[in-house]
N, C-alpha and C. Protein backbone atom coordinates (compact mmCIF):
# COMPACT_ATOMS: atom_id res chain seq x y z
N UNK A 1 0.95 -1.21 -0.02
CA UNK A 1 -0.11 0.18 -0.25
C UNK A 1 0.85 1.41 0.32
N UNK A 2 1.03 2.13 -1.07
CA UNK A 2 1.10 2.93 -1.27
C UNK A 2 1.54 4.27 0.15
N UNK A 3 0.57 4.09 0.87
CA UNK A 3 -0.32 5.21 1.91
C UNK A 3 1.10 4.75 3.16
N UNK A 4 1.26 3.44 3.22
CA UNK A 4 1.72 3.22 4.60
C UNK A 4 3.53 3.52 4.87
N UNK A 5 4.02 4.16 3.63
CA UNK A 5 5.23 5.09 3.21
C UNK A 5 5.26 6.23 3.98
N UNK A 6 6.80 6.46 4.79
CA UNK A 6 6.61 7.81 5.14
C UNK A 6 6.78 7.58 6.88
N UNK A 7 7.19 8.77 7.23
CA UNK A 7 7.29 8.78 9.27
C UNK A 7 5.30 8.35 9.84
N UNK A 8 5.64 7.55 10.61
CA UNK A 8 5.00 7.11 11.69
C UNK A 8 3.06 6.94 10.29
N UNK A 9 3.23 6.40 9.15
CA UNK A 9 2.43 5.99 8.10
C UNK A 9 1.04 5.94 8.99
N UNK A 10 0.95 5.21 10.29
CA UNK A 10 -0.55 5.42 11.47
C UNK A 10 -1.44 6.53 10.83
N UNK A 11 -0.77 7.85 10.96
CA UNK A 11 -1.81 8.98 10.78
C UNK A 11 -2.13 9.06 9.87
N UNK A 12 -2.04 9.16 8.84
CA UNK A 12 -2.98 8.77 7.31
C UNK A 12 -3.86 7.93 7.38
N UNK A 13 -4.36 6.81 8.57
CA UNK A 13 -5.41 6.52 8.72
C UNK A 13 -6.81 5.96 8.55
N UNK A 14 -7.60 5.92 7.99
CA UNK A 14 -9.43 7.01 8.86
C UNK A 14 -9.51 6.23 10.31
N UNK A 15 -9.34 5.35 10.79
CA UNK A 15 -9.70 4.45 11.86
C UNK A 15 -8.65 5.67 13.07
N UNK A 16 -7.96 6.23 12.39
CA UNK A 16 -6.62 7.10 13.80
C UNK A 16 -7.51 8.43 13.23
N UNK A 17 -7.26 8.48 12.16
CA UNK A 17 -7.57 10.53 12.31
C UNK A 17 -9.74 10.23 12.87
N UNK A 18 -10.53 9.13 13.09
CA UNK A 18 -11.60 9.25 13.24
C UNK A 18 -11.39 9.47 15.11
N UNK A 19 -10.63 8.80 15.89
CA UNK A 19 -10.19 9.13 16.61
C UNK A 19 -9.63 9.91 17.54
N UNK A 20 -10.11 11.02 16.73
CA UNK A 20 -9.57 12.77 17.29
C UNK A 20 -11.28 12.71 18.11
N UNK A 21 -10.01 13.99 19.34
CA UNK A 21 -10.87 13.55 20.14
C UNK A 21 -11.78 15.04 20.18
N UNK A 22 -11.07 16.33 19.47
CA UNK A 22 -11.08 17.73 19.54
C UNK A 22 -11.95 17.99 18.27
N UNK A 23 -12.81 18.27 18.65
CA UNK A 23 -13.55 18.93 17.98
C UNK A 23 -13.93 20.30 18.39
N UNK A 24 -13.70 21.39 17.34
CA UNK A 24 -13.64 22.57 17.92
C UNK A 24 -15.28 23.40 17.63
N UNK A 25 -15.55 24.25 18.86
CA UNK A 25 -16.75 24.64 18.66
C UNK A 25 -17.23 25.30 17.10
N UNK A 26 -18.91 26.03 16.50
CA UNK A 26 -18.35 26.21 15.83
C UNK A 26 -18.30 27.19 15.38
N UNK A 27 -17.72 28.42 17.00
CA UNK A 27 -18.41 29.84 16.08
C UNK A 27 -16.37 29.57 16.00
N UNK A 28 -15.63 29.00 16.53
CA UNK A 28 -14.00 28.98 15.86
C UNK A 28 -13.97 29.00 13.90
N UNK A 29 -13.14 29.92 13.75
CA UNK A 29 -13.48 29.98 12.12
C UNK A 29 -11.77 29.54 11.87
N UNK A 30 -10.94 30.05 12.41
CA UNK A 30 -9.13 30.06 12.33
C UNK A 30 -8.44 29.51 13.77
N UNK A 31 -7.43 28.56 13.59
CA UNK A 31 -6.65 28.11 14.19
C UNK A 31 -5.42 28.03 13.49
N UNK A 32 -4.28 29.31 14.97
CA UNK A 32 -3.09 29.83 13.98
C UNK A 32 -2.11 29.24 14.49
N UNK A 33 -1.60 28.49 14.95
CA UNK A 33 -0.55 27.03 15.70
C UNK A 33 0.65 27.93 15.39
N UNK A 34 2.07 28.44 16.24
CA UNK A 34 3.03 28.72 16.19
C UNK A 34 3.61 28.72 17.20
N UNK A 35 5.11 27.60 16.13
CA UNK A 35 6.09 27.35 16.90
C UNK A 35 7.35 27.38 15.83
N UNK A 36 8.57 26.90 16.95
CA UNK A 36 10.28 26.72 16.20
C UNK A 36 9.84 24.93 15.78
N UNK A 37 11.01 24.51 15.14
CA UNK A 37 11.04 23.26 14.91
C UNK A 37 12.60 22.80 15.67
N UNK A 38 13.18 23.87 16.00
CA UNK A 38 13.77 23.05 17.22
C UNK A 38 13.59 23.77 18.87
N UNK A 39 14.71 23.48 19.85
CA UNK A 39 14.06 23.83 21.02
C UNK A 39 13.50 23.26 21.63
N UNK A 40 14.02 22.87 23.75
CA UNK A 40 12.56 22.31 23.96
C UNK A 40 11.86 22.40 24.66
N UNK A 41 10.97 24.34 24.37
CA UNK A 41 10.78 24.66 24.93
C UNK A 41 9.09 24.63 23.89
N UNK A 42 9.12 23.99 22.77
CA UNK A 42 8.92 23.58 21.52
C UNK A 42 8.03 22.47 21.00
N UNK A 43 8.78 21.14 21.42
CA UNK A 43 8.84 20.20 21.57
C UNK A 43 7.40 19.90 21.90
N UNK A 44 6.70 20.24 23.09
CA UNK A 44 5.28 19.42 23.16
C UNK A 44 4.32 20.05 22.07
N UNK A 45 4.22 21.16 21.24
CA UNK A 45 3.63 21.29 20.33
C UNK A 45 4.31 20.94 19.06
N UNK A 46 5.13 20.70 18.84
CA UNK A 46 5.66 20.00 17.60
C UNK A 46 5.00 18.78 17.87
N UNK A 47 5.23 18.07 18.58
CA UNK A 47 4.24 16.23 18.82
C UNK A 47 3.26 16.43 18.47
N UNK A 48 2.26 17.66 19.26
CA UNK A 48 0.89 17.66 18.56
C UNK A 48 0.82 18.04 17.81
N UNK A 49 1.48 18.55 16.71
CA UNK A 49 1.49 18.92 15.16
C UNK A 49 1.32 17.82 15.11
N UNK A 50 2.23 16.51 14.77
CA UNK A 50 2.66 15.73 14.31
C UNK A 50 1.52 15.00 14.77
N UNK A 51 1.44 14.36 15.39
CA UNK A 51 0.11 13.28 15.80
C UNK A 51 -0.93 13.90 16.15
N UNK A 52 -1.69 15.01 16.46
CA UNK A 52 -3.30 15.44 16.90
C UNK A 52 -3.68 16.24 15.91
N UNK A 53 -2.38 17.08 15.29
CA UNK A 53 -3.10 18.07 13.70
C UNK A 53 -3.99 17.07 12.89
N UNK A 54 -3.38 15.84 12.20
CA UNK A 54 -4.27 15.62 10.67
C UNK A 54 -5.66 15.19 11.67
N UNK A 55 -5.58 15.04 13.17
CA UNK A 55 -7.32 14.37 13.65
C UNK A 55 -8.26 15.84 13.86
N UNK A 56 -7.26 16.68 14.14
CA UNK A 56 -8.63 18.13 14.64
C UNK A 56 -8.91 17.80 12.87
N UNK A 57 -7.85 18.10 11.77
CA UNK A 57 -7.65 19.19 10.74
C UNK A 57 -8.91 17.97 9.82
N UNK A 58 -9.35 16.33 10.63
CA UNK A 58 -10.16 15.76 9.41
C UNK A 58 -11.64 16.09 10.14
N UNK A 59 -11.39 15.86 11.79
CA UNK A 59 -13.07 16.64 12.27
C UNK A 59 -13.96 18.00 12.39
N UNK A 60 -12.81 18.91 11.71
CA UNK A 60 -13.13 19.75 11.52
C UNK A 60 -13.05 20.88 10.31
N UNK A 61 -13.63 19.51 9.36
CA UNK A 61 -13.36 20.50 7.95
C UNK A 61 -13.64 21.89 7.45
N UNK A 62 -14.38 22.50 8.38
CA UNK A 62 -14.75 23.87 8.40
C UNK A 62 -14.44 24.91 9.11
N UNK A 63 -12.93 24.42 9.91
CA UNK A 63 -11.74 25.53 10.28
C UNK A 63 -10.55 25.24 9.16
N UNK A 64 -9.98 26.34 9.34
CA UNK A 64 -8.81 26.13 8.55
C UNK A 64 -7.98 26.77 9.61
N UNK A 65 -6.57 25.77 9.34
CA UNK A 65 -5.94 25.18 10.30
C UNK A 65 -4.52 26.12 9.70
N UNK A 66 -3.95 27.52 10.36
CA UNK A 66 -2.77 27.40 9.49
C UNK A 66 -1.22 27.20 10.95
N UNK A 67 -0.27 26.37 10.49
CA UNK A 67 1.02 26.79 11.16
C UNK A 67 1.77 27.17 10.54
N UNK A 68 2.47 27.28 11.12
CA UNK A 68 3.52 28.90 11.30
C UNK A 68 4.54 28.20 11.89
N UNK A 69 5.99 28.12 11.69
CA UNK A 69 7.11 27.84 12.15
C UNK A 69 8.33 28.65 11.89
N UNK A 70 8.98 29.20 13.22
CA UNK A 70 10.36 29.76 12.98
C UNK A 70 10.45 31.18 13.08
N UNK A 71 9.20 31.39 13.51
CA UNK A 71 8.64 33.48 13.99
C UNK A 71 8.81 32.94 14.86
N UNK A 72 9.06 32.67 16.19
CA UNK A 72 8.21 32.90 17.27
C UNK A 72 9.51 32.06 18.62
N UNK A 73 9.69 33.39 19.87
CA UNK A 73 10.76 32.61 21.10
C UNK A 73 9.69 31.79 21.52
N UNK A 74 8.43 31.86 21.42
CA UNK A 74 7.45 30.83 22.30
C UNK A 74 6.49 30.24 21.70
N UNK A 75 6.17 29.09 22.08
CA UNK A 75 5.18 28.48 20.96
C UNK A 75 3.83 28.99 21.47
N UNK A 76 3.01 29.35 20.50
CA UNK A 76 1.38 29.94 21.00
C UNK A 76 0.78 28.90 20.21
N UNK A 77 -0.76 29.08 20.23
CA UNK A 77 -2.14 28.77 19.81
C UNK A 77 -2.66 29.85 19.38
N UNK A 78 -3.38 30.40 18.31
CA UNK A 78 -4.09 31.82 18.44
C UNK A 78 -5.69 31.13 17.78
N UNK A 79 -6.42 31.57 18.78
CA UNK A 79 -7.64 31.18 18.10
C UNK A 79 -8.84 31.85 17.95
N UNK A 80 -9.08 32.45 16.26
CA UNK A 80 -9.86 33.51 15.48
C UNK A 80 -12.02 32.68 15.77
N UNK A 81 -12.85 33.71 16.92
CA UNK A 81 -14.09 33.88 16.21
C UNK A 81 -14.52 34.78 15.29
N UNK A 82 -15.91 33.86 14.85
CA UNK A 82 -16.89 34.58 14.09
C UNK A 82 -17.34 35.98 14.35
N UNK A 83 -16.97 36.64 15.71
CA UNK A 83 -16.92 37.86 16.31
C UNK A 83 -16.03 38.78 16.11
N UNK A 84 -15.11 37.83 15.64
CA UNK A 84 -13.85 38.98 15.44
C UNK A 84 -12.66 38.65 16.39
N UNK A 85 -13.25 38.69 17.79
CA UNK A 85 -12.50 37.99 18.99
C UNK A 85 -11.15 37.21 18.82
N UNK A 86 -10.18 37.12 19.24
CA UNK A 86 -9.38 36.31 18.85
C UNK A 86 -9.36 35.93 20.25
N UNK A 87 -8.13 35.16 20.35
CA UNK A 87 -8.23 33.74 22.44
C UNK A 87 -6.13 33.83 21.55
N UNK A 88 -5.85 33.91 22.87
CA UNK A 88 -4.18 33.45 22.04
C UNK A 88 -4.56 32.22 23.40
N UNK A 89 -3.78 31.21 23.21
CA UNK A 89 -3.23 30.21 24.64
C UNK A 89 -2.27 29.76 23.84
N UNK A 90 -1.55 29.91 25.66
CA UNK A 90 0.11 29.68 26.00
C UNK A 90 0.65 28.47 25.75
N UNK A 91 1.67 27.94 25.28
CA UNK A 91 1.50 26.29 25.27
C UNK A 91 2.79 25.54 25.53
N UNK A 92 3.10 27.06 26.23
CA UNK A 92 5.21 26.61 26.37
C UNK A 92 4.97 25.56 27.57
N UNK A 93 6.88 24.99 26.91
CA UNK A 93 7.05 24.19 28.21
C UNK A 93 5.25 22.57 28.71
N UNK A 94 5.24 22.67 27.51
CA UNK A 94 3.81 21.66 27.75
C UNK A 94 3.89 20.56 27.24
N UNK A 95 3.43 19.26 27.31
CA UNK A 95 3.51 18.03 26.66
C UNK A 95 2.40 17.62 25.68
N UNK A 96 2.59 17.30 24.39
CA UNK A 96 1.34 17.01 23.26
C UNK A 96 -0.10 16.41 24.16
N UNK A 97 0.18 15.68 24.78
CA UNK A 97 -1.48 15.53 25.99
C UNK A 97 -1.30 16.72 26.83
N UNK A 98 -0.52 17.28 27.66
CA UNK A 98 -1.51 18.32 28.24
C UNK A 98 -1.81 19.44 27.28
N UNK A 99 -1.88 19.81 26.46
CA UNK A 99 -1.85 20.81 25.38
C UNK A 99 -3.01 20.12 24.64
N UNK A 100 -3.20 18.71 24.24
CA UNK A 100 -4.58 18.25 23.79
C UNK A 100 -5.85 18.38 24.50
N UNK A 101 -5.82 18.25 26.33
CA UNK A 101 -6.07 17.88 27.36
C UNK A 101 -7.11 19.91 27.76
N UNK A 102 -5.99 21.01 27.77
CA UNK A 102 -6.09 22.08 27.81
C UNK A 102 -7.46 22.59 26.33
N UNK A 103 -7.04 21.82 25.21
CA UNK A 103 -7.71 22.41 24.39
C UNK A 103 -8.90 21.93 23.93
N UNK A 104 -9.25 20.19 24.47
CA UNK A 104 -10.46 19.95 25.27
C UNK A 104 -11.00 20.87 25.74
N UNK A 105 -10.80 21.51 26.89
CA UNK A 105 -11.85 22.15 28.11
C UNK A 105 -12.08 23.61 27.38
N UNK A 106 -10.70 24.39 26.44
CA UNK A 106 -11.04 25.71 26.42
C UNK A 106 -11.57 25.75 24.93
N UNK A 107 -11.72 25.60 23.66
CA UNK A 107 -12.35 25.03 22.91
C UNK A 107 -12.99 24.13 22.33
N UNK A 108 -12.57 23.22 23.19
CA UNK A 108 -13.51 21.89 22.14
C UNK A 108 -15.27 22.05 22.97
N UNK A 109 -16.07 21.54 22.19
CA UNK A 109 -16.93 21.33 22.38
C UNK A 109 -17.48 19.68 23.29
N UNK A 110 -18.29 20.42 24.51
CA UNK A 110 -18.38 18.69 25.48
C UNK A 110 -19.32 17.72 24.88
N UNK A 111 -19.20 16.83 25.53
CA UNK A 111 -19.37 15.29 25.78
C UNK A 111 -20.25 15.38 25.39
N UNK A 112 -21.65 16.32 26.07
CA UNK A 112 -23.18 16.36 25.66
C UNK A 112 -23.28 17.16 24.62
N UNK A 113 -22.79 18.08 24.26
CA UNK A 113 -23.13 18.89 22.97
C UNK A 113 -22.71 18.13 22.19
N UNK A 114 -21.74 17.07 21.74
CA UNK A 114 -21.52 15.70 20.92
C UNK A 114 -22.30 14.96 20.38
N UNK A 115 -22.85 14.47 22.08
CA UNK A 115 -24.19 13.37 21.26
C UNK A 115 -24.85 14.58 21.41
N UNK A 116 -25.76 15.06 21.49
CA UNK A 116 -27.12 16.30 20.85
C UNK A 116 -26.45 16.03 19.52
N UNK A 117 -25.71 16.92 18.58
CA UNK A 117 -25.96 17.01 17.71
C UNK A 117 -25.73 15.65 16.78
N UNK A 118 -24.97 14.35 17.21
CA UNK A 118 -24.89 13.07 16.93
C UNK A 118 -26.79 12.75 16.64
N UNK A 119 -27.10 13.15 17.52
CA UNK A 119 -28.65 12.30 17.49
C UNK A 119 -29.49 13.77 16.86
N UNK A 120 -29.16 14.93 16.71
CA UNK A 120 -30.22 15.90 15.36
C UNK A 120 -29.45 15.46 14.39
N UNK A 121 -28.52 15.19 14.15
CA UNK A 121 -27.85 14.53 12.37
C UNK A 121 -28.71 13.41 11.82
N UNK A 122 -29.03 12.15 13.29
CA UNK A 122 -28.91 11.20 12.77
C UNK A 122 -30.59 11.18 13.12
N UNK A 123 -31.18 12.14 13.37
CA UNK A 123 -32.67 12.84 13.16
C UNK A 123 -33.17 13.02 12.10
N UNK A 124 -32.22 13.94 11.48
CA UNK A 124 -32.41 15.20 10.59
C UNK A 124 -32.55 14.07 9.13
N UNK A 125 -31.48 13.33 9.18
CA UNK A 125 -30.61 12.59 8.19
C UNK A 125 -31.46 11.88 7.22
N UNK A 126 -32.14 11.25 8.64
CA UNK A 126 -33.18 9.80 8.24
C UNK A 126 -34.13 9.94 7.31
N UNK A 127 -34.33 9.81 5.84
CA UNK A 127 -35.70 10.02 5.00
C UNK A 127 -36.70 9.00 5.64
N UNK A 128 -36.86 8.35 6.59
CA UNK A 128 -37.27 7.61 7.46
C UNK A 128 -38.17 8.00 8.42
N UNK A 129 -37.43 9.02 9.11
CA UNK A 129 -38.15 10.48 10.18
C UNK A 129 -39.15 11.24 9.62
N UNK A 130 -40.75 11.05 10.27
CA UNK A 130 -41.72 11.70 10.33
C UNK A 130 -42.25 12.37 10.93
N UNK A 131 -43.26 12.90 11.39
CA UNK A 131 -44.04 13.63 12.13
C UNK A 131 -43.06 15.42 12.76
N UNK A 132 -43.50 15.50 13.92
CA UNK A 132 -43.58 16.77 14.94
C UNK A 132 -41.98 17.00 14.67
N UNK A 133 -41.22 17.65 14.90
CA UNK A 133 -39.99 18.36 14.78
C UNK A 133 -39.59 17.31 13.83
N UNK A 134 -39.13 16.58 13.08
CA UNK A 134 -38.76 16.40 11.38
C UNK A 134 -39.01 17.09 10.52
N UNK A 135 -38.00 17.02 9.56
CA UNK A 135 -38.65 17.55 8.52
C UNK A 135 -39.40 17.00 8.01
N UNK A 136 -39.84 16.34 7.95
CA UNK A 136 -41.84 16.16 7.34
C UNK A 136 -42.79 15.44 8.15
N UNK A 137 -43.62 16.97 8.31
CA UNK A 137 -44.92 16.34 8.91
C UNK A 137 -45.89 15.21 8.91
N UNK A 138 -45.59 14.37 7.62
CA UNK A 138 -46.36 12.88 7.38
C UNK A 138 -45.57 12.87 6.59
N UNK A 139 -46.51 11.15 6.29
CA UNK A 139 -45.34 10.78 5.33
C UNK A 139 -45.94 10.26 4.05
N UNK A 140 -47.41 11.22 4.05
CA UNK A 140 -47.69 11.63 2.22
C UNK A 140 -47.18 12.76 2.00
N UNK A 141 -46.08 13.30 2.60
CA UNK A 141 -44.96 13.94 1.84
C UNK A 141 -43.90 13.38 1.13
N UNK A 142 -43.11 11.83 1.55
CA UNK A 142 -42.57 11.43 1.04
C UNK A 142 -42.76 10.87 -0.12
N UNK A 143 -41.79 11.23 -1.08
CA UNK A 143 -41.73 10.48 -2.55
C UNK A 143 -42.10 9.19 -2.79
N UNK A 144 -42.91 9.08 -3.12
CA UNK A 144 -43.78 7.55 -3.68
C UNK A 144 -44.59 6.97 -2.71
N UNK A 145 -45.20 7.78 -1.64
CA UNK A 145 -45.79 7.57 -0.87
C UNK A 145 -47.58 7.64 -1.41
N UNK A 146 -48.87 7.12 -0.81
CA UNK A 146 -50.00 7.86 -0.99
C UNK A 146 -50.01 8.81 -0.03
N UNK A 147 -50.56 9.37 -1.22
CA UNK A 147 -51.39 10.77 -0.40
C UNK A 147 -52.52 10.58 0.72
N UNK A 148 -52.92 11.85 1.75
CA UNK A 148 -53.00 11.45 2.60
C UNK A 148 -54.48 11.37 2.35
N UNK A 149 -55.27 10.15 3.23
CA UNK A 149 -57.16 9.59 2.24
C UNK A 149 -57.70 11.76 2.46
N UNK A 150 -57.67 12.15 3.76
CA UNK A 150 -58.18 13.41 3.93
C UNK A 150 -58.03 14.30 2.24
N UNK A 151 -57.42 14.35 1.71
CA UNK A 151 -56.69 15.28 1.24
C UNK A 151 -57.02 14.41 -0.44
N UNK A 152 -56.97 13.50 -0.96
CA UNK A 152 -56.96 12.80 -2.15
C UNK A 152 -57.72 11.45 -1.53
N UNK A 153 -58.85 11.50 -2.22
CA UNK A 153 -59.80 9.75 -1.31
C UNK A 153 -58.92 8.87 -2.37
N UNK A 154 -58.55 7.11 -1.58
CA UNK A 154 -57.91 5.94 -1.73
C UNK A 154 -59.09 5.80 -2.83
N UNK A 155 -58.31 4.40 -3.57
CA UNK A 155 -59.28 3.73 -5.10
C UNK A 155 -59.49 2.75 -4.19
N UNK A 156 -60.79 2.58 -4.15
CA UNK A 156 -61.88 1.20 -3.50
C UNK A 156 -61.46 0.09 -3.10
N UNK A 157 -60.28 -0.35 -4.32
CA UNK A 157 -59.69 -1.92 -3.91
C UNK A 157 -58.90 -1.47 -3.13
N UNK A 158 -58.41 0.01 -2.54
CA UNK A 158 -58.06 -0.27 -1.45
C UNK A 158 -58.24 0.40 0.13
N UNK A 159 -59.55 0.47 -0.24
CA UNK A 159 -60.80 0.34 1.11
C UNK A 159 -61.57 -0.96 1.37
N UNK A 160 -61.15 -0.39 2.94
CA UNK A 160 -61.98 -2.48 3.67
C UNK A 160 -63.26 -2.34 3.47
N UNK A 161 -63.99 -0.89 3.11
CA UNK A 161 -65.45 -0.92 3.31
C UNK A 161 -65.93 -2.06 1.75
N UNK A 162 -65.34 -1.18 0.15
CA UNK A 162 -65.68 -2.84 -0.42
C UNK A 162 -64.30 -3.32 -0.41
N UNK A 163 -63.19 -3.83 -0.27
CA UNK A 163 -62.53 -5.04 -0.02
C UNK A 163 -62.97 -6.61 0.56
N UNK A 164 -63.55 -5.85 1.36
CA UNK A 164 -64.32 -6.64 2.82
C UNK A 164 -65.56 -6.51 2.34
N UNK A 165 -66.47 -6.42 2.01
CA UNK A 165 -67.79 -6.00 1.37
C UNK A 165 -68.17 -7.45 0.61
N UNK A 166 -69.51 -7.63 1.80
CA UNK A 166 -70.03 -9.26 1.14
C UNK A 166 -71.34 -9.23 0.04
N UNK A 167 -71.05 -10.04 -0.78
CA UNK A 167 -71.73 -9.88 -1.94
C UNK A 167 -73.11 -11.08 -1.41
N UNK A 168 -73.98 -10.27 -1.36
CA UNK A 168 -75.33 -10.85 -1.74
C UNK A 168 -76.03 -11.30 -2.19
N UNK A 169 -75.11 -10.99 -3.76
CA UNK A 169 -75.88 -11.16 -4.75
C UNK A 169 -76.12 -13.39 -5.05
């Protein structure tokens, strides 16, 4: 397999990408990561970029992620919000796991929000769901179904009154 070539090819498998924990809040548009490729202070953020950034990119396709190398004396992360505000996250001398935990608390969605979104998405995406709170209020609105009997009368061969009537002839 050609995609299994290079440094740590496990990072390019779908199973590894889906295992990412960090799903950013909806209000975050841009995440900028600043670090150097050398120096002990930057080691944690370098490892975070190497191991966790592909998962963040996979889980957050609508967020623009920038990595800027060798432009700063200390490592940090900028997060830019829709409202124009921005948040500076200092990650100096932190390990990759400490950085991930901190980002999960500060800019990540909580477990309850993720569960609610998953249920809402499943409920919305499934065309078999209809009724109150769904996209379709009645099954007759789904293509290929029989219209409501209140609007269009059913043919006689589908009505029990005629189907099960006893012939006295």
